[in-house]
Every structure is written in structure tokens, then in C-alpha cells.
């Protein structure tokens, strides 16, 4: 079952940020799709395996884009 994960990321300031996040997250097994929005400072990830949700958040922190909780 797929899970849609919408995350607020205040550090997103440009399309380069979005591209970096999309590249990093699509490397995680279980992440089916990633879409970013600069204006909303938001990333939407579709997970084919919901158990990778923490991996996604950890990866975002690692690359300098922590999720606003």
C-alpha cells in the first residue's frame, strides 16, 4: 500500500534545493516518487513501503533540509 508523505521544509529556497532533495530521496528503496514545491517550501513523497518514512526524514536532515515538525 502506498503512502503519501507531505513535509514542510523551511530551508528550501530555490529549484536547486528541490532537485537535490528529489535526487537524494529517490535513491532510497521504497520511495516511489518525489515532488518539490519551492513556493510552499514543501516536499511530497509517495512511498511504496511506509516503513521508510524515518529513512526519508533522516536523509533530509543529513543533506541539510530537516523537516519542520
Protein backbone atom coordinates (compact mmCIF):
# COMPACT_ATOMS: atom_id res chain seq x y z
CA UNK A 1 0.00 0.00 0.00
CA UNK A 2 1.36 3.39 -0.98
CA UNK A 3 1.61 6.23 1.48
CA UNK A 4 1.73 9.93 0.59
CA UNK A 5 4.04 11.93 2.83
CA UNK A 6 3.86 15.76 2.73
CA UNK A 7 6.66 17.53 4.56
CA UNK A 8 7.29 21.21 5.30
CA UNK A 9 10.97 22.08 4.76
CA UNK A 10 11.77 25.73 5.61
CA UNK A 11 15.30 25.55 4.12
CA UNK A 12 14.02 25.21 0.54
CA UNK A 13 14.83 28.45 -1.26
CA UNK A 14 15.21 27.52 -4.95
CA UNK A 15 14.79 24.84 -7.61
CA UNK A 16 18.34 23.63 -6.93
CA UNK A 17 17.27 22.75 -3.38
CA UNK A 18 14.29 20.81 -4.73
CA UNK A 19 16.46 18.96 -7.27
CA UNK A 20 18.97 17.99 -4.57
CA UNK A 21 16.19 16.68 -2.32
CA UNK A 22 14.49 14.78 -5.16
CA UNK A 23 17.79 13.14 -6.16
CA UNK A 24 18.62 12.13 -2.59
CA UNK A 25 15.19 10.73 -1.76
CA UNK A 26 14.73 8.74 -4.97
CA UNK A 27 17.88 6.79 -4.04
CA UNK A 28 16.01 5.31 -1.06
CA UNK A 29 14.43 1.94 -1.79
CA UNK A 30 10.71 2.27 -1.06
CA UNK A 31 10.38 5.85 -2.32
CA UNK A 32 8.28 5.70 -5.48
CA UNK A 33 8.04 9.41 -6.34
CA UNK A 34 9.21 12.78 -5.02
CA UNK A 35 7.89 16.23 -5.97
CA UNK A 36 9.02 19.54 -4.52
CA UNK A 37 7.41 22.97 -4.34
CA UNK A 38 9.66 25.99 -3.74
CA UNK A 39 6.86 28.48 -3.02
CA UNK A 40 5.24 26.25 -0.38
CA UNK A 41 8.65 25.02 0.88
CA UNK A 42 7.19 21.55 0.71
CA UNK A 43 8.18 18.09 -0.47
CA UNK A 44 5.67 15.36 -1.30
CA UNK A 45 6.97 11.80 -1.36
CA UNK A 46 5.00 8.74 -2.39
CA UNK A 47 6.26 5.71 -0.52
CA UNK A 48 5.72 2.20 -1.84
CA UNK A 49 6.92 0.99 1.57
CA UNK A 50 5.69 3.08 4.52
CA UNK A 51 8.45 1.67 6.75
CA UNK A 52 10.97 4.00 5.04
CA UNK A 53 9.32 7.18 6.39
CA UNK A 54 12.01 7.61 9.06
CA UNK A 55 14.74 6.95 6.47
CA UNK A 56 13.32 9.78 4.36
CA UNK A 57 13.35 12.22 7.29
CA UNK A 58 16.86 11.17 8.31
CA UNK A 59 18.15 11.64 4.76
CA UNK A 60 16.63 15.12 4.61
CA UNK A 61 18.42 16.07 7.84
CA UNK A 62 21.69 14.59 6.55
CA UNK A 63 21.63 16.77 3.42
CA UNK A 64 20.71 19.93 5.31
CA UNK A 65 16.93 20.05 4.79
CA UNK A 66 15.37 18.97 8.09
CA UNK A 67 11.60 18.53 8.20
CA UNK A 68 9.63 21.04 10.25
CA UNK A 69 7.62 19.00 12.73
